[in-house]
PDB file of N, CA and C in Angstrom:
ATOM      1  N   MET A   1      30.892  10.229  15.785  1.00  0.00           N
ATOM      2  CA  MET A   1      29.521  10.483  15.396  1.00  0.00           C
ATOM      3  C   MET A   1      28.551   9.672  16.110  1.00  0.00           C
ATOM      4  N   TYR A   2      27.308  10.158  16.356  1.00  0.00           N
ATOM      5  CA  TYR A   2      26.389   9.464  16.983  1.00  0.00           C
ATOM      6  C   TYR A   2      25.593   8.482  16.111  1.00  0.00           C
ATOM      7  N   ASN A   3      25.307   7.348  16.663  1.00  0.00           N
ATOM      8  CA  ASN A   3      24.510   6.337  15.906  1.00  0.00           C
ATOM      9  C   ASN A   3      23.280   5.987  16.662  1.00  0.00           C
ATOM     10  N   PHE A   4      22.198   6.650  16.307  1.00  0.00           N
ATOM     11  CA  PHE A   4      20.852   6.395  17.027  1.00  0.00           C
ATOM     12  C   PHE A   4      19.799   6.490  16.076  1.00  0.00           C
ATOM     13  N   SER A   5      18.678   5.767  16.478  1.00  0.00           N
ATOM     14  CA  SER A   5      17.541   5.828  15.656  1.00  0.00           C
ATOM     15  C   SER A   5      16.485   6.812  16.283  1.00  0.00           C
ATOM     16  N   MET A   6      15.571   7.277  15.480  1.00  0.00           N
ATOM     17  CA  MET A   6      14.511   8.115  15.993  1.00  0.00           C
ATOM     18  C   MET A   6      13.206   7.310  15.752  1.00  0.00           C
ATOM     19  N   TYR A   7      12.267   7.550  16.648  1.00  0.00           N
ATOM     20  CA  TYR A   7      10.908   7.008  16.536  1.00  0.00           C
ATOM     21  C   TYR A   7       9.861   8.094  16.543  1.00  0.00           C
ATOM     22  N   TYR A   8       8.876   7.977  15.780  1.00  0.00           N
ATOM     23  CA  TYR A   8       7.975   9.090  15.506  1.00  0.00           C
ATOM     24  C   TYR A   8       6.551   8.750  15.942  1.00  0.00           C
ATOM     25  N   VAL A   9       5.885   9.648  16.512  1.00  0.00           N
ATOM     26  CA  VAL A   9       4.442   9.567  16.685  1.00  0.00           C
ATOM     27  C   VAL A   9       3.807  10.670  15.881  1.00  0.00           C
ATOM     28  N   TYR A  10       2.974  10.326  15.064  1.00  0.00           N
ATOM     29  CA  TYR A  10       2.364  11.420  14.031  1.00  0.00           C
ATOM     30  C   TYR A  10       0.916  11.483  14.167  1.00  0.00           C
ATOM     31  N   VAL A  11       0.459  12.605  13.562  1.00  0.00           N
ATOM     32  CA  VAL A  11      -1.031  12.771  13.327  1.00  0.00           C
ATOM     33  C   VAL A  11      -1.302  13.148  11.888  1.00  0.00           C
ATOM     34  N   LEU A  12      -2.134  12.468  11.243  1.00  0.00           N
ATOM     35  CA  LEU A  12      -2.553  12.824   9.981  1.00  0.00           C
ATOM     36  C   LEU A  12      -4.085  13.398   9.998  1.00  0.00           C
ATOM     37  N   GLN A  13      -4.401  14.217   9.097  1.00  0.00           N
ATOM     38  CA  GLN A  13      -5.799  14.570   9.066  1.00  0.00           C
ATOM     39  C   GLN A  13      -6.320  14.402   7.628  1.00  0.00           C
ATOM     40  N   CYS A  14      -7.568  13.924   7.629  1.00  0.00           N
ATOM     41  CA  CYS A  14      -8.231  13.701   6.244  1.00  0.00           C
ATOM     42  C   CYS A  14      -8.744  14.987   5.707  1.00  0.00           C
ATOM     43  N   ASP A  15      -8.398  15.411   4.599  1.00  0.00           N
ATOM     44  CA  ASP A  15      -8.944  16.541   3.911  1.00  0.00           C
ATOM     45  C   ASP A  15     -10.406  16.646   3.781  1.00  0.00           C
ATOM     46  N   ALA A  16     -10.998  15.398   3.506  1.00  0.00           N
ATOM     47  CA  ALA A  16     -12.345  15.285   3.189  1.00  0.00           C
ATOM     48  C   ALA A  16     -13.373  15.553   4.365  1.00  0.00           C
ATOM     49  N   ASP A  17     -12.924  15.043   5.570  1.00  0.00           N
ATOM     50  CA  ASP A  17     -14.019  15.134   6.687  1.00  0.00           C
ATOM     51  C   ASP A  17     -13.225  15.603   7.972  1.00  0.00           C
ATOM     52  N   GLY A  18     -11.886  15.816   7.970  1.00  0.00           N
ATOM     53  CA  GLY A  18     -11.217  16.354   9.111  1.00  0.00           C
ATOM     54  C   GLY A  18     -10.769  15.234  10.133  1.00  0.00           C
ATOM     55  N   THR A  19     -11.101  14.011   9.868  1.00  0.00           N
ATOM     56  CA  THR A  19     -10.691  12.953  10.678  1.00  0.00           C
ATOM     57  C   THR A  19      -9.279  12.907  10.991  1.00  0.00           C
ATOM     58  N   LEU A  20      -8.965  12.629  12.163  1.00  0.00           N
ATOM     59  CA  LEU A  20      -7.568  12.553  12.656  1.00  0.00           C
ATOM     60  C   LEU A  20      -7.167  11.119  12.772  1.00  0.00           C
ATOM     61  N   TYR A  21      -5.869  10.751  12.475  1.00  0.00           N
ATOM     62  CA  TYR A  21      -5.372   9.482  12.563  1.00  0.00           C
ATOM     63  C   TYR A  21      -4.012   9.596  13.372  1.00  0.00           C
ATOM     64  N   ILE A  22      -3.802   8.849  14.333  1.00  0.00           N
ATOM     65  CA  ILE A  22      -2.549   8.797  15.121  1.00  0.00           C
ATOM     66  C   ILE A  22      -1.840   7.498  14.894  1.00  0.00           C
ATOM     67  N   GLY A  23      -0.502   7.671  14.564  1.00  0.00           N
ATOM     68  CA  GLY A  23       0.358   6.465  14.339  1.00  0.00           C
ATOM     69  C   GLY A  23       1.805   6.577  14.896  1.00  0.00           C
ATOM     70  N   TYR A  24       2.550   5.644  14.722  1.00  0.00           N
ATOM     71  CA  TYR A  24       3.862   5.445  15.156  1.00  0.00           C
ATOM     72  C   TYR A  24       4.705   4.786  14.107  1.00  0.00           C
ATOM     73  N   SER A  25       5.989   5.317  14.027  1.00  0.00           N
ATOM     74  CA  SER A  25       6.920   4.643  13.005  1.00  0.00           C
ATOM     75  C   SER A  25       8.280   5.052  13.350  1.00  0.00           C
ATOM     76  N   ALA A  26       9.183   4.124  12.861  1.00  0.00           N
ATOM     77  CA  ALA A  26      10.580   4.540  12.902  1.00  0.00           C
ATOM     78  C   ALA A  26      11.014   5.222  11.653  1.00  0.00           C
ATOM     79  N   ASP A  27      10.299   5.212  10.661  1.00  0.00           N
ATOM     80  CA  ASP A  27      10.581   5.858   9.391  1.00  0.00           C
ATOM     81  C   ASP A  27       9.316   6.723   9.026  1.00  0.00           C
ATOM     82  N   LEU A  28       9.362   7.884   9.590  1.00  0.00           N
ATOM     83  CA  LEU A  28       8.163   8.803   9.323  1.00  0.00           C
ATOM     84  C   LEU A  28       7.824   9.193   7.826  1.00  0.00           C
ATOM     85  N   LYS A  29       8.892   9.411   7.060  1.00  0.00           N
ATOM     86  CA  LYS A  29       8.736   9.793   5.665  1.00  0.00           C
ATOM     87  C   LYS A  29       8.110   8.585   4.858  1.00  0.00           C
ATOM     88  N   THR A  30       8.557   7.460   5.037  1.00  0.00           N
ATOM     89  CA  THR A  30       8.001   6.324   4.354  1.00  0.00           C
ATOM     90  C   THR A  30       6.749   5.902   4.723  1.00  0.00           C
ATOM     91  N   ARG A  31       6.508   6.005   6.145  1.00  0.00           N
ATOM     92  CA  ARG A  31       5.080   5.663   6.631  1.00  0.00           C
ATOM     93  C   ARG A  31       4.053   6.619   6.146  1.00  0.00           C
ATOM     94  N   VAL A  32       4.308   7.879   6.147  1.00  0.00           N
ATOM     95  CA  VAL A  32       3.315   8.866   5.643  1.00  0.00           C
ATOM     96  C   VAL A  32       3.084   8.627   4.178  1.00  0.00           C
ATOM     97  N   ALA A  33       4.150   8.279   3.433  1.00  0.00           N
ATOM     98  CA  ALA A  33       3.974   8.072   2.027  1.00  0.00           C
ATOM     99  C   ALA A  33       3.113   6.839   1.827  1.00  0.00           C
ATOM    100  N   ASP A  34       3.328   5.881   2.597  1.00  0.00           N
ATOM    101  CA  ASP A  34       2.398   4.611   2.523  1.00  0.00           C
ATOM    102  C   ASP A  34       0.968   4.909   2.804  1.00  0.00           C
ATOM    103  N   HIS A  35       0.777   5.832   3.776  1.00  0.00           N
ATOM    104  CA  HIS A  35      -0.639   6.132   4.127  1.00  0.00           C
ATOM    105  C   HIS A  35      -1.188   6.874   2.820  1.00  0.00           C
ATOM    106  N   LEU A  36      -0.473   7.767   2.204  1.00  0.00           N
ATOM    107  CA  LEU A  36      -0.993   8.542   1.136  1.00  0.00           C
ATOM    108  C   LEU A  36      -1.307   7.632  -0.096  1.00  0.00           C
ATOM    109  N   LYS A  37      -0.605   6.487  -0.167  1.00  0.00           N
ATOM    110  CA  LYS A  37      -0.819   5.556  -1.330  1.00  0.00           C
ATOM    111  C   LYS A  37      -1.863   4.518  -0.920  1.00  0.00           C
ATOM    112  N   GLY A  38      -2.530   4.566   0.222  1.00  0.00           N
ATOM    113  CA  GLY A  38      -3.567   3.617   0.649  1.00  0.00           C
ATOM    114  C   GLY A  38      -2.941   2.426   1.174  1.00  0.00           C
ATOM    115  N   LYS A  39      -1.730   2.454   1.695  1.00  0.00           N
ATOM    116  CA  LYS A  39      -1.059   1.139   2.123  1.00  0.00           C
ATOM    117  C   LYS A  39      -0.935   1.311   3.728  1.00  0.00           C
ATOM    118  N   GLY A  40      -1.558   2.294   4.316  1.00  0.00           N
ATOM    119  CA  GLY A  40      -1.510   2.501   5.731  1.00  0.00           C
ATOM    120  C   GLY A  40      -2.450   1.641   6.571  1.00  0.00           C
ATOM    121  N   GLY A  41      -2.836   2.114   7.684  1.00  0.00           N
ATOM    122  CA  GLY A  41      -3.926   1.533   8.490  1.00  0.00           C
ATOM    123  C   GLY A  41      -5.221   1.502   7.898  1.00  0.00           C
ATOM    124  N   ARG A  42      -6.018   0.695   8.384  1.00  0.00           N
ATOM    125  CA  ARG A  42      -7.387   0.517   7.877  1.00  0.00           C
ATOM    126  C   ARG A  42      -8.144   1.827   7.656  1.00  0.00           C
ATOM    127  N   THR A  43      -8.055   2.858   8.645  1.00  0.00           N
ATOM    128  CA  THR A  43      -8.686   4.058   8.525  1.00  0.00           C
ATOM    129  C   THR A  43      -8.192   4.918   7.310  1.00  0.00           C
ATOM    130  N   THR A  44      -6.782   4.866   7.152  1.00  0.00           N
ATOM    131  CA  THR A  44      -6.303   5.695   6.049  1.00  0.00           C
ATOM    132  C   THR A  44      -6.427   4.875   4.720  1.00  0.00           C
ATOM    133  N   MET A  45      -6.711   3.676   4.754  1.00  0.00           N
ATOM    134  CA  MET A  45      -6.871   2.985   3.493  1.00  0.00           C
ATOM    135  C   MET A  45      -8.292   3.228   2.968  1.00  0.00           C
ATOM    136  N   LEU A  46      -9.353   3.480   3.866  1.00  0.00           N
ATOM    137  CA  LEU A  46     -10.678   3.743   3.392  1.00  0.00           C
ATOM    138  C   LEU A  46     -10.933   5.087   2.891  1.00  0.00           C
ATOM    139  N   LYS A  47     -10.131   6.046   3.304  1.00  0.00           N
ATOM    140  CA  LYS A  47     -10.401   7.518   3.029  1.00  0.00           C
ATOM    141  C   LYS A  47      -9.115   8.004   2.151  1.00  0.00           C
ATOM    142  N   LYS A  48      -9.387   8.890   1.352  1.00  0.00           N
ATOM    143  CA  LYS A  48      -8.249   9.558   0.547  1.00  0.00           C
ATOM    144  C   LYS A  48      -7.953  10.997   1.103  1.00  0.00           C
ATOM    145  N   GLY A  49      -6.779  11.461   0.690  1.00  0.00           N
ATOM    146  CA  GLY A  49      -6.522  12.844   1.076  1.00  0.00           C
ATOM    147  C   GLY A  49      -5.995  13.117   2.396  1.00  0.00           C
ATOM    148  N   TRP A  50      -4.967  12.385   2.819  1.00  0.00           N
ATOM    149  CA  TRP A  50      -4.472  12.635   4.148  1.00  0.00           C
ATOM    150  C   TRP A  50      -3.299  13.561   4.188  1.00  0.00           C
ATOM    151  N   ARG A  51      -3.070  14.315   5.224  1.00  0.00           N
ATOM    152  CA  ARG A  51      -1.886  15.227   5.404  1.00  0.00           C
ATOM    153  C   ARG A  51      -1.329  15.121   6.730  1.00  0.00           C
ATOM    154  N   LEU A  52       0.001  15.149   6.889  1.00  0.00           N
ATOM    155  CA  LEU A  52       0.634  15.308   8.093  1.00  0.00           C
ATOM    156  C   LEU A  52       0.426  16.606   8.697  1.00  0.00           C
ATOM    157  N   ILE A  53      -0.060  16.610  10.062  1.00  0.00           N
ATOM    158  CA  ILE A  53      -0.223  17.937  10.613  1.00  0.00           C
ATOM    159  C   ILE A  53       0.556  18.084  11.931  1.00  0.00           C
ATOM    160  N   TYR A  54       1.133  16.945  12.478  1.00  0.00           N
ATOM    161  CA  TYR A  54       1.850  17.025  13.756  1.00  0.00           C
ATOM    162  C   TYR A  54       2.618  15.712  13.893  1.00  0.00           C
ATOM    163  N   TYR A  55       3.894  15.951  14.529  1.00  0.00           N
ATOM    164  CA  TYR A  55       4.658  14.776  14.967  1.00  0.00           C
ATOM    165  C   TYR A  55       5.638  15.102  15.954  1.00  0.00           C
ATOM    166  N   GLU A  56       6.053  14.118  16.741  1.00  0.00           N
ATOM    167  CA  GLU A  56       6.922  14.201  17.771  1.00  0.00           C
ATOM    168  C   GLU A  56       8.064  13.100  17.610  1.00  0.00           C
ATOM    169  N   ALA A  57       9.256  13.399  17.881  1.00  0.00           N
ATOM    170  CA  ALA A  57      10.335  12.432  17.772  1.00  0.00           C
ATOM    171  C   ALA A  57      10.930  12.019  19.124  1.00  0.00           C
ATOM    172  N   TYR A  58      11.231  10.707  19.126  1.00  0.00           N
ATOM    173  CA  TYR A  58      11.712  10.145  20.306  1.00  0.00           C
ATOM    174  C   TYR A  58      12.916   9.268  20.049  1.00  0.00           C
ATOM    175  N   LEU A  59      13.937   9.244  21.063  1.00  0.00           N
ATOM    176  CA  LEU A  59      15.178   8.355  20.970  1.00  0.00           C
ATOM    177  C   LEU A  59      14.886   7.011  21.364  1.00  0.00           C
ATOM    178  N   ASN A  60      13.810   6.720  22.112  1.00  0.00           N
ATOM    179  CA  ASN A  60      13.467   5.396  22.668  1.00  0.00           C
ATOM    180  C   ASN A  60      12.112   4.940  22.130  1.00  0.00           C
ATOM    181  N   LYS A  61      12.158   3.707  21.684  1.00  0.00           N
ATOM    182  CA  LYS A  61      10.929   3.166  21.022  1.00  0.00           C
ATOM    183  C   LYS A  61       9.824   3.079  21.982  1.00  0.00           C
ATOM    184  N   ASN A  62      10.062   2.724  23.174  1.00  0.00           N
ATOM    185  CA  ASN A  62       9.025   2.494  24.347  1.00  0.00           C
ATOM    186  C   ASN A  62       8.529   3.901  24.568  1.00  0.00           C
ATOM    187  N   ASP A  63       9.209   4.945  24.539  1.00  0.00           N
ATOM    188  CA  ASP A  63       8.667   6.317  24.801  1.00  0.00           C
ATOM    189  C   ASP A  63       7.646   6.637  23.707  1.00  0.00           C
ATOM    190  N   ALA A  64       8.124   6.349  22.434  1.00  0.00           N
ATOM    191  CA  ALA A  64       7.144   6.644  21.333  1.00  0.00           C
ATOM    192  C   ALA A  64       5.883   5.974  21.386  1.00  0.00           C
ATOM    193  N   THR A  65       5.943   4.622  21.649  1.00  0.00           N
ATOM    194  CA  THR A  65       4.848   3.772  21.645  1.00  0.00           C
ATOM    195  C   THR A  65       3.935   4.183  22.840  1.00  0.00           C
ATOM    196  N   GLY A  66       4.502   4.501  23.902  1.00  0.00           N
ATOM    197  CA  GLY A  66       3.720   4.922  25.182  1.00  0.00           C
ATOM    198  C   GLY A  66       2.916   6.249  24.799  1.00  0.00           C
ATOM    199  N   ARG A  67       3.759   7.138  24.031  1.00  0.00           N
ATOM    200  CA  ARG A  67       3.154   8.429  23.722  1.00  0.00           C
ATOM    201  C   ARG A  67       1.927   8.214  22.734  1.00  0.00           C
ATOM    202  N   GLU A  68       2.146   7.284  21.741  1.00  0.00           N
ATOM    203  CA  GLU A  68       1.019   6.947  20.756  1.00  0.00           C
ATOM    204  C   GLU A  68      -0.225   6.536  21.546  1.00  0.00           C
ATOM    205  N   LYS A  69       0.109   5.590  22.482  1.00  0.00           N
ATOM    206  CA  LYS A  69      -1.004   5.056  23.245  1.00  0.00           C
ATOM    207  C   LYS A  69      -1.745   6.152  23.939  1.00  0.00           C
ATOM    208  N   PHE A  70      -0.991   7.142  24.615  1.00  0.00           N
ATOM    209  CA  PHE A  70      -1.506   8.079  25.324  1.00  0.00           C
ATOM    210  C   PHE A  70      -2.381   9.026  24.464  1.00  0.00           C
ATOM    211  N   LEU A  71      -1.790   9.438  23.285  1.00  0.00           N
ATOM    212  CA  LEU A  71      -2.588  10.401  22.359  1.00  0.00           C
ATOM    213  C   LEU A  71      -3.903   9.700  21.839  1.00  0.00           C
ATOM    214  N   LYS A  72      -3.908   8.377  21.850  1.00  0.00           N
ATOM    215  CA  LYS A  72      -5.153   7.649  21.332  1.00  0.00           C
ATOM    216  C   LYS A  72      -6.242   7.596  22.520  1.00  0.00           C
ATOM    217  N   SER A  73      -5.871   7.992  23.666  1.00  0.00           N
ATOM    218  CA  SER A  73      -6.802   7.998  24.867  1.00  0.00           C
ATOM    219  C   SER A  73      -7.494   9.224  24.807  1.00  0.00           C
ATOM    220  N   GLY A  74      -8.636   9.227  25.760  1.00  0.00           N
ATOM    221  CA  GLY A  74      -9.371  10.463  25.893  1.00  0.00           C
ATOM    222  C   GLY A  74      -8.718  11.575  26.334  1.00  0.00           C
ATOM    223  N   SER A  75      -7.656  11.527  27.302  1.00  0.00           N
ATOM    224  CA  SER A  75      -6.852  12.491  27.740  1.00  0.00           C
ATOM    225  C   SER A  75      -5.999  13.027  26.662  1.00  0.00           C
ATOM    226  N   GLY A  76      -5.523  12.078  25.800  1.00  0.00           N
ATOM    227  CA  GLY A  76      -4.580  12.454  24.723  1.00  0.00           C
ATOM    228  C   GLY A  76      -5.229  13.229  23.594  1.00  0.00           C
ATOM    229  N   TRP A  77      -6.527  12.786  23.274  1.00  0.00           N
ATOM    230  CA  TRP A  77      -7.159  13.581  22.358  1.00  0.00           C
ATOM    231  C   TRP A  77      -7.486  14.955  22.763  1.00  0.00           C
ATOM    232  N   ARG A  78      -7.719  15.186  24.046  1.00  0.00           N
ATOM    233  CA  ARG A  78      -7.972  16.507  24.629  1.00  0.00           C
ATOM    234  C   ARG A  78      -6.517  17.335  24.579  1.00  0.00           C
ATOM    235  N   TYR A  79      -5.506  16.614  24.801  1.00  0.00           N
ATOM    236  CA  TYR A  79      -4.164  17.347  24.790  1.00  0.00           C
ATOM    237  C   TYR A  79      -3.892  17.884  23.300  1.00  0.00           C
ATOM    238  N   LEU A  80      -4.212  16.847  22.334  1.00  0.00           N
ATOM    239  CA  LEU A  80      -3.923  17.168  20.942  1.00  0.00           C
ATOM    240  C   LEU A  80      -4.836  18.378  20.340  1.00  0.00           C
ATOM    241  N   LYS A  81      -6.136  18.314  20.826  1.00  0.00           N
ATOM    242  CA  LYS A  81      -6.874  19.390  20.441  1.00  0.00           C
ATOM    243  C   LYS A  81      -6.505  20.734  21.046  1.00  0.00           C
ATOM    244  N   LYS A  82      -5.980  20.798  22.241  1.00  0.00           N
ATOM    245  CA  LYS A  82      -5.417  21.993  22.861  1.00  0.00           C
ATOM    246  C   LYS A  82      -4.078  22.394  22.123  1.00  0.00           C
ATOM    247  N   GLN A  83      -3.212  21.443  21.879  1.00  0.00           N
ATOM    248  CA  GLN A  83      -1.973  21.731  21.180  1.00  0.00           C
ATOM    249  C   GLN A  83      -2.229  22.337  19.665  1.00  0.00           C
ATOM    250  N   LEU A  84      -3.240  21.861  18.980  1.00  0.00           N
ATOM    251  CA  LEU A  84      -3.526  22.108  17.645  1.00  0.00           C
ATOM    252  C   LEU A  84      -4.686  23.135  17.593  1.00  0.00           C
ATOM    253  N   THR A  85      -5.008  23.796  18.598  1.00  0.00           N
ATOM    254  CA  THR A  85      -6.183  24.708  18.631  1.00  0.00           C
ATOM    255  C   THR A  85      -6.283  25.578  17.367  1.00  0.00           C
ATOM    256  N   ASN A  86      -5.108  26.347  17.124  1.00  0.00           N
ATOM    257  CA  ASN A  86      -5.174  27.240  16.048  1.00  0.00           C
ATOM    258  C   ASN A  86      -5.229  26.577  14.746  1.00  0.00           C
ATOM    259  N   TYR A  87      -4.552  25.567  14.467  1.00  0.00           N
ATOM    260  CA  TYR A  87      -4.652  24.883  13.196  1.00  0.00           C
ATOM    261  C   TYR A  87      -6.001  24.214  13.027  1.00  0.00           C
ATOM    262  N   LEU A  88      -6.575  23.634  14.022  1.00  0.00           N
ATOM    263  CA  LEU A  88      -7.894  22.850  13.822  1.00  0.00           C
ATOM    264  C   LEU A  88      -8.989  23.957  13.564  1.00  0.00           C
ATOM    265  N   ALA A  89      -8.810  25.151  14.183  1.00  0.00           N
ATOM    266  CA  ALA A  89      -9.860  26.261  13.846  1.00  0.00           C
ATOM    267  C   ALA A  89      -9.811  26.745  12.505  1.00  0.00           C
ATOM    268  N   LYS A  90      -8.736  26.507  11.820  1.00  0.00           N
ATOM    269  CA  LYS A  90      -8.623  26.984  10.440  1.00  0.00           C
ATOM    270  C   LYS A  90      -9.204  25.832   9.380  1.00  0.00           C
ATOM    271  N   SER A  91      -9.169  24.559   9.840  1.00  0.00           N
ATOM    272  CA  SER A  91      -9.550  23.448   9.054  1.00  0.00           C
ATOM    273  C   SER A  91     -11.027  23.316   8.787  1.00  0.00           C
TER     274      SER A  91
END
């Protein structure tokens, strides 16, 4: 059996105003639950009503953190908007 860890880069959206939040975690389920309880990052603590809209999984931590950094950049935001065009059009 394989013994490996997964690392996740994820995007949350605020129901109230459509704000997007990008984060990284080795435990996606727990981290998203923390955000929903107001225990996440500063942005998610200040607003209520977040929902997971996108995530990517990686076997290597450095790949995940590098991807998170990219998605938070200007090019990364453009990439996300292109990837989520249909979803964001409905929101």
